[in-house]
Amino acid sequence: MYFVYILKCADGSYYTGSAADLSKRFLEHQQGVVPSAYIFRRRPVQLIWSEEVETYNEALLHEHQIKGWSRAKKEALIRGDFQAIHEIVKMRGANERRENELHRAERRCVLCTAVEA
């Protein structure tokens, strides 16, 4: 079994990771085993969310997926608020569509200006 986890750092930031032995890995984070690591200067940390998965690949997949999420989406996951996660995804999609439409409109205006000149 493997674990995907989120730590809350002393500075309020979140760290997402994965491990085969969650207790051991958490202790390593707390002890600051690697001075160059993100966590080192942000200790102490709290384990605020974890999920057990079957395989190493599944753990890595979930870790990388969560690392790409916004803070709001991570906080919804931590709360177990799956409805909020879906709402955030919908809002993000709508915002991206709006931005793409504006970008296309701006490109048309630039093209029109170039043709008029």
N, C-alpha and C. Protein backbone atom coordinates (compact mmCIF):
# COMPACT_ATOMS: atom_id res chain seq x y z
N MET A 1 0.84 -1.18 0.00
CA MET A 1 0.00 0.00 0.00
C MET A 1 0.89 1.25 0.00
N TYR A 2 0.35 2.30 -0.59
CA TYR A 2 1.04 3.58 -0.67
C TYR A 2 0.09 4.68 -0.22
N PHE A 3 0.66 5.82 0.08
CA PHE A 3 -0.13 6.94 0.56
C PHE A 3 0.17 8.21 -0.23
N VAL A 4 -0.85 9.01 -0.43
CA VAL A 4 -0.72 10.37 -0.94
C VAL A 4 -1.13 11.24 0.23
N TYR A 5 -0.40 12.33 0.46
CA TYR A 5 -0.69 13.13 1.64
C TYR A 5 -0.49 14.62 1.38
N ILE A 6 -1.11 15.41 2.23
CA ILE A 6 -0.91 16.86 2.22
C ILE A 6 -0.50 17.29 3.62
N LEU A 7 0.58 18.06 3.67
CA LEU A 7 1.05 18.64 4.92
C LEU A 7 0.76 20.13 4.92
N LYS A 8 0.43 20.66 6.07
CA LYS A 8 0.32 22.11 6.22
C LYS A 8 1.59 22.57 6.92
N CYS A 9 2.29 23.49 6.27
CA CYS A 9 3.56 23.98 6.79
C CYS A 9 3.33 25.13 7.77
N ALA A 10 4.37 25.44 8.54
CA ALA A 10 4.29 26.51 9.54
C ALA A 10 3.96 27.86 8.90
N ASP A 11 4.34 28.05 7.64
CA ASP A 11 4.05 29.32 6.96
C ASP A 11 2.67 29.33 6.30
N GLY A 12 1.89 28.25 6.50
CA GLY A 12 0.54 28.18 5.93
C GLY A 12 0.47 27.56 4.56
N SER A 13 1.60 27.29 3.94
CA SER A 13 1.60 26.67 2.61
C SER A 13 1.31 25.17 2.75
N TYR A 14 0.98 24.55 1.62
CA TYR A 14 0.70 23.12 1.59
C TYR A 14 1.80 22.40 0.82
N TYR A 15 2.09 21.20 1.27
CA TYR A 15 3.05 20.34 0.59
C TYR A 15 2.34 19.02 0.31
N THR A 16 2.40 18.55 -0.93
CA THR A 16 1.79 17.29 -1.31
C THR A 16 2.89 16.29 -1.63
N GLY A 17 2.74 15.07 -1.13
CA GLY A 17 3.74 14.05 -1.39
C GLY A 17 3.11 12.67 -1.40
N SER A 18 3.96 11.66 -1.60
CA SER A 18 3.51 10.27 -1.56
C SER A 18 4.60 9.44 -0.91
N ALA A 19 4.19 8.32 -0.31
CA ALA A 19 5.15 7.47 0.39
C ALA A 19 4.56 6.09 0.61
N ALA A 20 5.45 5.12 0.76
CA ALA A 20 5.02 3.77 1.10
C ALA A 20 4.76 3.67 2.60
N ASP A 21 5.57 4.37 3.39
CA ASP A 21 5.43 4.37 4.85
C ASP A 21 5.17 5.80 5.30
N LEU A 22 3.92 6.13 5.49
CA LEU A 22 3.53 7.51 5.80
C LEU A 22 4.11 7.98 7.13
N SER A 23 4.09 7.14 8.15
CA SER A 23 4.62 7.53 9.47
C SER A 23 6.10 7.87 9.39
N LYS A 24 6.86 7.03 8.69
CA LYS A 24 8.29 7.26 8.53
C LYS A 24 8.55 8.54 7.75
N ARG A 25 7.81 8.73 6.66
CA ARG A 25 8.01 9.91 5.82
C ARG A 25 7.65 11.19 6.57
N PHE A 26 6.57 11.15 7.35
CA PHE A 26 6.18 12.32 8.14
C PHE A 26 7.27 12.66 9.15
N LEU A 27 7.83 11.67 9.81
CA LEU A 27 8.91 11.89 10.76
C LEU A 27 10.12 12.51 10.07
N GLU A 28 10.44 12.04 8.86
CA GLU A 28 11.56 12.62 8.10
C GLU A 28 11.31 14.09 7.80
N HIS A 29 10.06 14.41 7.44
CA HIS A 29 9.72 15.83 7.20
C HIS A 29 9.91 16.64 8.48
N GLN A 30 9.41 16.13 9.60
CA GLN A 30 9.50 16.86 10.86
C GLN A 30 10.94 17.05 11.31
N GLN A 31 11.78 16.06 11.07
CA GLN A 31 13.18 16.13 11.49
C GLN A 31 14.03 16.97 10.55
N GLY A 32 13.53 17.24 9.35
CA GLY A 32 14.31 18.03 8.39
C GLY A 32 15.53 17.28 7.89
N VAL A 33 15.32 16.07 7.42
CA VAL A 33 16.41 15.21 6.96
C VAL A 33 17.15 15.81 5.76
N VAL A 34 16.43 16.50 4.90
CA VAL A 34 17.05 17.06 3.68
C VAL A 34 17.00 18.60 3.75
N PRO A 35 18.14 19.24 4.05
CA PRO A 35 18.15 20.70 4.21
C PRO A 35 17.70 21.49 2.98
N SER A 36 17.84 20.91 1.78
CA SER A 36 17.44 21.63 0.57
C SER A 36 15.96 21.43 0.23
N ALA A 37 15.25 20.64 1.01
CA ALA A 37 13.85 20.32 0.72
C ALA A 37 12.94 21.51 1.03
N TYR A 38 11.81 21.57 0.33
CA TYR A 38 10.81 22.62 0.52
C TYR A 38 10.39 22.74 1.98
N ILE A 39 10.21 21.62 2.63
CA ILE A 39 9.70 21.56 4.01
C ILE A 39 10.71 22.07 5.04
N PHE A 40 11.99 21.95 4.76
CA PHE A 40 13.02 22.18 5.76
C PHE A 40 12.84 23.48 6.54
N ARG A 41 12.64 24.59 5.85
CA ARG A 41 12.50 25.89 6.50
C ARG A 41 11.06 26.23 6.86
N ARG A 42 10.17 25.30 6.64
CA ARG A 42 8.75 25.54 6.88
C ARG A 42 8.21 24.64 7.99
N ARG A 43 9.09 24.08 8.77
CA ARG A 43 8.69 23.22 9.88
C ARG A 43 8.29 24.05 11.08
N PRO A 44 7.48 23.53 11.96
CA PRO A 44 6.90 22.19 11.94
C PRO A 44 5.76 22.08 10.93
N VAL A 45 5.44 20.86 10.57
CA VAL A 45 4.36 20.60 9.63
C VAL A 45 3.30 19.74 10.31
N GLN A 46 2.07 19.82 9.76
CA GLN A 46 0.97 19.00 10.25
C GLN A 46 0.47 18.14 9.09
N LEU A 47 0.20 16.89 9.36
CA LEU A 47 -0.43 16.03 8.38
C LEU A 47 -1.93 16.34 8.43
N ILE A 48 -2.46 16.90 7.33
CA ILE A 48 -3.86 17.31 7.36
C ILE A 48 -4.76 16.50 6.44
N TRP A 49 -4.15 15.69 5.56
CA TRP A 49 -4.97 14.84 4.68
C TRP A 49 -4.09 13.71 4.15
N SER A 50 -4.68 12.53 4.04
CA SER A 50 -3.98 11.42 3.39
C SER A 50 -4.99 10.47 2.79
N GLU A 51 -4.52 9.72 1.81
CA GLU A 51 -5.34 8.73 1.14
C GLU A 51 -4.47 7.51 0.85
N GLU A 52 -4.99 6.36 1.11
CA GLU A 52 -4.27 5.12 0.83
C GLU A 52 -4.66 4.63 -0.56
N VAL A 53 -3.66 4.24 -1.34
CA VAL A 53 -3.89 3.73 -2.69
C VAL A 53 -3.15 2.40 -2.84
N GLU A 54 -3.51 1.66 -3.87
CA GLU A 54 -2.98 0.31 -4.08
C GLU A 54 -1.53 0.27 -4.57
N THR A 55 -1.20 1.12 -5.56
CA THR A 55 0.09 0.99 -6.23
C THR A 55 0.91 2.27 -6.16
N TYR A 56 2.20 2.11 -6.38
CA TYR A 56 3.12 3.23 -6.43
C TYR A 56 2.73 4.21 -7.55
N ASN A 57 2.40 3.65 -8.72
CA ASN A 57 2.02 4.50 -9.85
C ASN A 57 0.76 5.32 -9.55
N GLU A 58 -0.19 4.69 -8.87
CA GLU A 58 -1.41 5.41 -8.50
C GLU A 58 -1.09 6.54 -7.52
N ALA A 59 -0.18 6.28 -6.59
CA ALA A 59 0.23 7.31 -5.62
C ALA A 59 0.88 8.49 -6.35
N LEU A 60 1.78 8.19 -7.28
CA LEU A 60 2.45 9.26 -8.03
C LEU A 60 1.46 10.05 -8.88
N LEU A 61 0.53 9.35 -9.51
CA LEU A 61 -0.48 10.01 -10.32
C LEU A 61 -1.32 10.98 -9.49
N HIS A 62 -1.79 10.51 -8.33
CA HIS A 62 -2.59 11.37 -7.46
C HIS A 62 -1.77 12.54 -6.94
N GLU A 63 -0.52 12.27 -6.54
CA GLU A 63 0.35 13.33 -6.03
C GLU A 63 0.51 14.44 -7.08
N HIS A 64 0.85 14.07 -8.29
CA HIS A 64 1.07 15.07 -9.34
C HIS A 64 -0.22 15.80 -9.70
N GLN A 65 -1.33 15.10 -9.67
CA GLN A 65 -2.61 15.74 -9.95
C GLN A 65 -2.91 16.80 -8.90
N ILE A 66 -2.77 16.44 -7.63
CA ILE A 66 -3.08 17.37 -6.54
C ILE A 66 -2.10 18.55 -6.54
N LYS A 67 -0.84 18.30 -6.85
CA LYS A 67 0.14 19.38 -6.90
C LYS A 67 -0.25 20.45 -7.92
N GLY A 68 -0.97 20.06 -8.95
CA GLY A 68 -1.40 21.02 -9.97
C GLY A 68 -2.66 21.78 -9.60
N TRP A 69 -3.28 21.45 -8.49
CA TRP A 69 -4.54 22.09 -8.10
C TRP A 69 -4.30 23.42 -7.42
N SER A 70 -5.31 24.26 -7.47
CA SER A 70 -5.27 25.54 -6.76
C SER A 70 -5.38 25.29 -5.26
N ARG A 71 -5.05 26.29 -4.48
CA ARG A 71 -5.18 26.20 -3.02
C ARG A 71 -6.62 25.91 -2.63
N ALA A 72 -7.57 26.59 -3.29
CA ALA A 72 -8.99 26.40 -2.97
C ALA A 72 -9.42 24.95 -3.21
N LYS A 73 -8.95 24.38 -4.28
CA LYS A 73 -9.32 23.01 -4.60
C LYS A 73 -8.70 22.03 -3.60
N LYS A 74 -7.43 22.28 -3.20
CA LYS A 74 -6.79 21.45 -2.19
C LYS A 74 -7.55 21.54 -0.86
N GLU A 75 -7.98 22.75 -0.51
CA GLU A 75 -8.71 22.92 0.74
C GLU A 75 -10.07 22.22 0.71
N ALA A 76 -10.71 22.19 -0.44
CA ALA A 76 -11.97 21.45 -0.58
C ALA A 76 -11.71 19.95 -0.39
N LEU A 77 -10.61 19.44 -0.95
CA LEU A 77 -10.25 18.04 -0.77
C LEU A 77 -9.99 17.74 0.71
N ILE A 78 -9.26 18.61 1.36
CA ILE A 78 -8.95 18.42 2.78
C ILE A 78 -10.23 18.36 3.61
N ARG A 79 -11.19 19.20 3.27
CA ARG A 79 -12.48 19.21 3.98
C ARG A 79 -13.37 18.04 3.58
N GLY A 80 -13.02 17.36 2.49
CA GLY A 80 -13.87 16.29 1.97
C GLY A 80 -15.08 16.83 1.25
N ASP A 81 -14.98 18.06 0.77
CA ASP A 81 -16.08 18.74 0.09
C ASP A 81 -15.96 18.54 -1.42
N PHE A 82 -16.42 17.38 -1.88
CA PHE A 82 -16.26 17.03 -3.28
C PHE A 82 -17.15 17.87 -4.19
N GLN A 83 -18.26 18.35 -3.68
CA GLN A 83 -19.12 19.26 -4.44
C GLN A 83 -18.36 20.55 -4.76
N ALA A 84 -17.63 21.08 -3.79
CA ALA A 84 -16.85 22.30 -4.01
C ALA A 84 -15.77 22.06 -5.07
N ILE A 85 -15.16 20.88 -5.06
CA ILE A 85 -14.14 20.58 -6.07
C ILE A 85 -14.76 20.65 -7.46
N HIS A 86 -15.95 20.08 -7.61
CA HIS A 86 -16.63 20.11 -8.92
C HIS A 86 -17.00 21.55 -9.31
N GLU A 87 -17.42 22.34 -8.35
CA GLU A 87 -17.77 23.75 -8.63
C GLU A 87 -16.54 24.53 -9.06
N ILE A 88 -15.42 24.30 -8.40
CA ILE A 88 -14.17 24.99 -8.76
C ILE A 88 -13.77 24.62 -10.19
N VAL A 89 -13.91 23.36 -10.53
CA VAL A 89 -13.57 22.91 -11.89
C VAL A 89 -14.49 23.58 -12.91
N LYS A 90 -15.78 23.66 -12.60
CA LYS A 90 -16.73 24.32 -13.52
C LYS A 90 -16.38 25.79 -13.69
N MET A 91 -16.10 26.49 -12.58
CA MET A 91 -15.77 27.92 -12.66
C MET A 91 -14.49 28.13 -13.45
N ARG A 92 -13.52 27.26 -13.21
CA ARG A 92 -12.24 27.39 -13.92
C ARG A 92 -12.45 27.22 -15.42
N GLY A 93 -13.26 26.22 -15.80
CA GLY A 93 -13.55 26.00 -17.21
C GLY A 93 -14.25 27.18 -17.84
N ALA A 94 -15.21 27.76 -17.12
CA ALA A 94 -15.93 28.93 -17.63
C ALA A 94 -14.98 30.11 -17.78
N ASN A 95 -14.10 30.32 -16.81
CA ASN A 95 -13.14 31.42 -16.87
C ASN A 95 -12.16 31.24 -18.03
N GLU A 96 -11.72 30.00 -18.24
CA GLU A 96 -10.80 29.74 -19.35
C GLU A 96 -11.48 29.99 -20.69
N ARG A 97 -12.76 29.58 -20.82
CA ARG A 97 -13.49 29.83 -22.07
C ARG A 97 -13.63 31.34 -22.30
N ARG A 98 -13.95 32.08 -21.24
CA ARG A 98 -14.09 33.53 -21.36
C ARG A 98 -12.76 34.16 -21.79
N GLU A 99 -11.66 33.74 -21.17
CA GLU A 99 -10.34 34.26 -21.53
C GLU A 99 -9.99 33.94 -22.98
N ASN A 100 -10.31 32.73 -23.42
CA ASN A 100 -10.05 32.35 -24.82
C ASN A 100 -10.86 33.20 -25.78
N GLU A 101 -12.12 33.47 -25.44
CA GLU A 101 -12.96 34.32 -26.29
C GLU A 101 -12.40 35.73 -26.37
N LEU A 102 -11.95 36.28 -25.22
CA LEU A 102 -11.35 37.62 -25.22
C LEU A 102 -10.08 37.66 -26.06
N HIS A 103 -9.28 36.62 -25.92
CA HIS A 103 -8.03 36.55 -26.68
C HIS A 103 -8.32 36.51 -28.18
N ARG A 104 -9.31 35.71 -28.59
CA ARG A 104 -9.67 35.65 -30.01
C ARG A 104 -10.19 37.00 -30.49
N ALA A 105 -10.99 37.66 -29.65
CA ALA A 105 -11.52 38.98 -30.03
C ALA A 105 -10.38 40.00 -30.16
N GLU A 106 -9.42 39.95 -29.26
CA GLU A 106 -8.28 40.86 -29.33
C GLU A 106 -7.46 40.60 -30.59
N ARG A 107 -7.27 39.33 -30.94
CA ARG A 107 -6.53 38.99 -32.15
C ARG A 107 -7.25 39.51 -33.38
N ARG A 108 -8.60 39.39 -33.40
CA ARG A 108 -9.37 39.90 -34.55
C ARG A 108 -9.19 41.41 -34.66
N CYS A 109 -9.22 42.12 -33.51
CA CYS A 109 -9.05 43.56 -33.53
C CYS A 109 -7.67 43.95 -34.04
N VAL A 110 -6.66 43.21 -33.62
CA VAL A 110 -5.28 43.49 -34.08
C VAL A 110 -5.21 43.24 -35.58
N LEU A 111 -5.81 42.16 -36.05
CA LEU A 111 -5.82 41.86 -37.49
C LEU A 111 -6.56 42.94 -38.26
N CYS A 112 -7.71 43.39 -37.70
CA CYS A 112 -8.49 44.44 -38.37
C CYS A 112 -7.68 45.72 -38.45
N THR A 113 -7.01 46.08 -37.39
CA THR A 113 -6.20 47.29 -37.36
C THR A 113 -5.08 47.20 -38.38
N ALA A 114 -4.46 46.04 -38.49
CA ALA A 114 -3.36 45.85 -39.44
C ALA A 114 -3.87 45.97 -40.89
N VAL A 115 -5.09 45.44 -41.15
CA VAL A 115 -5.64 45.52 -42.49
C VAL A 115 -6.01 46.95 -42.82
N GLU A 116 -6.56 47.70 -41.85
CA GLU A 116 -6.99 49.09 -42.07
C GLU A 116 -5.80 50.00 -42.32
N ALA A 117 -4.65 49.71 -41.73
CA ALA A 117 -3.46 50.56 -41.83
C ALA A 117 -2.81 50.44 -43.14
